[in-house]
């Protein structure tokens, strides 16, 4: 399938798809005789995983460090990081760092909310 069709099937734009290729998240697809990109269903499935992970708060840089294992997420639910079934280097470090950043942001926003409520409503 052509780039526009693949992008639509994955819920992104052709420009985003090219960016994922440039950043190493998606291997370069096969080309037609006329040089156009030709995406297979496996590549579209990988694009969907990339979009889902980006939507979950991961960055492109986070995913670059996991790029060689992204295909595992298209094969069904992966084993939990740290479980005996998880492959070595399965990304637990990246996930742990992302969770720590999210926890820090939640704590910051909670403090901000509490301060605002205290100032406006006199809440403790």
Protein backbone atom coordinates (compact mmCIF):
# COMPACT_ATOMS: atom_id res chain seq x y z
CA UNK A 1 0.00 0.00 0.00
CA UNK A 2 1.16 3.52 -0.73
CA UNK A 3 2.26 6.04 1.89
CA UNK A 4 -1.07 7.87 2.10
CA UNK A 5 -3.01 4.63 2.56
CA UNK A 6 -0.55 3.32 5.16
CA UNK A 7 -0.62 6.58 7.08
CA UNK A 8 -4.43 6.65 7.09
CA UNK A 9 -4.57 3.01 8.22
CA UNK A 10 -2.23 3.80 11.13
CA UNK A 11 -3.92 7.06 12.08
CA UNK A 12 -1.09 9.40 11.15
CA UNK A 13 0.00 11.61 8.30
CA UNK A 14 2.45 10.74 5.54
CA UNK A 15 4.76 13.38 6.99
CA UNK A 16 4.75 11.64 10.40
CA UNK A 17 5.39 8.31 8.69
CA UNK A 18 8.45 9.74 6.93
CA UNK A 19 9.67 11.17 10.25
CA UNK A 20 9.40 7.73 11.90
CA UNK A 21 11.45 6.30 9.05
CA UNK A 22 14.08 9.05 9.36
CA UNK A 23 14.35 8.52 13.12
CA UNK A 24 14.80 4.76 12.74
CA UNK A 25 11.48 3.69 14.24
CA UNK A 26 10.30 2.15 11.00
CA UNK A 27 12.59 0.37 8.57
CA UNK A 28 12.57 1.74 5.04
CA UNK A 29 9.76 0.02 3.12
CA UNK A 30 10.08 -1.77 -0.18
CA UNK A 31 9.81 0.43 -3.26
CA UNK A 32 7.71 -0.03 -6.35
CA UNK A 33 9.30 -0.06 -9.80
CA UNK A 34 8.57 3.66 -9.99
CA UNK A 35 10.29 4.30 -6.63
CA UNK A 36 7.21 4.84 -4.48
CA UNK A 37 7.11 3.45 -0.95
CA UNK A 38 5.13 0.20 -0.69
CA UNK A 39 4.04 -0.68 2.87
CA UNK A 40 3.06 -4.16 3.99
CA UNK A 41 0.53 -5.00 6.73
CA UNK A 42 3.37 -5.72 9.20
CA UNK A 43 4.71 -2.19 8.73
CA UNK A 44 1.25 -0.70 9.26
CA UNK A 45 0.90 -2.76 12.45
CA UNK A 46 4.24 -1.39 13.64
CA UNK A 47 3.06 2.15 12.84
CA UNK A 48 0.01 1.58 15.02
CA UNK A 49 2.24 0.45 17.89
CA UNK A 50 4.42 3.53 17.46
CA UNK A 51 1.36 5.80 17.51
CA UNK A 52 -0.02 4.07 20.59
CA UNK A 53 3.26 4.38 22.48
CA UNK A 54 3.66 8.03 21.51
CA UNK A 55 0.11 8.61 22.71
CA UNK A 56 1.03 6.94 26.01
CA UNK A 57 3.69 9.53 26.73
CA UNK A 58 6.78 7.99 25.21
CA UNK A 59 8.99 10.21 23.10
CA UNK A 60 10.50 9.43 19.73
CA UNK A 61 13.88 9.19 21.48
CA UNK A 62 12.43 6.67 23.95
CA UNK A 63 11.18 4.58 21.08
CA UNK A 64 14.47 4.84 19.19
CA UNK A 65 16.14 3.02 22.07
CA UNK A 66 13.53 0.25 21.68
CA UNK A 67 13.30 0.26 17.88
CA UNK A 68 14.82 -3.18 17.45
CA UNK A 69 12.09 -4.65 19.69
CA UNK A 70 8.98 -2.75 18.53
CA UNK A 71 8.01 -5.64 16.28
CA UNK A 72 7.43 -7.74 19.42
CA UNK A 73 4.48 -5.52 20.34
CA UNK A 74 2.71 -6.33 17.07
CA UNK A 75 2.67 -10.03 17.94
CA UNK A 76 0.23 -9.83 20.85
CA UNK A 77 0.51 -8.75 24.45
CA UNK A 78 4.15 -8.67 25.53
CA UNK A 79 5.37 -10.11 28.82
CA UNK A 80 5.55 -7.55 31.61
CA UNK A 81 8.93 -5.88 32.01
CA UNK A 82 10.87 -7.66 34.70
CA UNK A 83 8.85 -10.85 34.46
CA UNK A 84 10.72 -14.13 33.87
CA UNK A 85 9.28 -14.27 30.33
CA UNK A 86 10.50 -10.80 29.38
CA UNK A 87 13.50 -10.88 27.05
CA UNK A 88 16.73 -9.33 28.25
CA UNK A 89 16.87 -5.64 27.43
CA UNK A 90 13.10 -5.53 26.94
CA UNK A 91 12.90 -1.85 27.71
CA UNK A 92 12.33 -1.89 31.45
CA UNK A 93 14.80 0.98 31.84
CA UNK A 94 12.99 3.18 29.33
CA UNK A 95 9.62 2.34 30.87
CA UNK A 96 10.94 2.95 34.38
CA UNK A 97 12.32 6.36 33.38
CA UNK A 98 9.05 7.31 31.70
CA UNK A 99 7.06 6.23 34.79
CA UNK A 100 9.36 8.26 37.04
CA UNK A 101 8.87 11.33 34.83
CA UNK A 102 5.11 10.86 34.89
CA UNK A 103 5.15 10.46 38.68
CA UNK A 104 7.17 13.65 39.03
CA UNK A 105 4.77 15.53 36.76
CA UNK A 106 1.76 14.22 38.69
CA UNK A 107 3.35 15.34 41.96
CA UNK A 108 4.09 18.79 40.49
CA UNK A 109 0.55 19.20 39.20
CA UNK A 110 -0.91 18.01 42.51
CA UNK A 111 1.14 20.63 44.38
CA UNK A 112 0.05 23.28 41.89
CA UNK A 113 -3.60 22.29 42.29
CA UNK A 114 -3.36 22.31 46.08
CA UNK A 115 -1.73 25.75 46.09
CA UNK A 116 -4.35 27.18 43.74
CA UNK A 117 -7.22 25.69 45.77
CA UNK A 118 -5.70 27.04 48.98
CA UNK A 119 -5.35 30.54 47.55
CA UNK A 120 -8.74 30.70 45.88
CA UNK A 121 -10.97 28.65 48.19
CA UNK A 122 -8.99 28.62 51.40
CA UNK A 123 -8.74 24.82 51.25
CA UNK A 124 -6.02 23.29 53.41
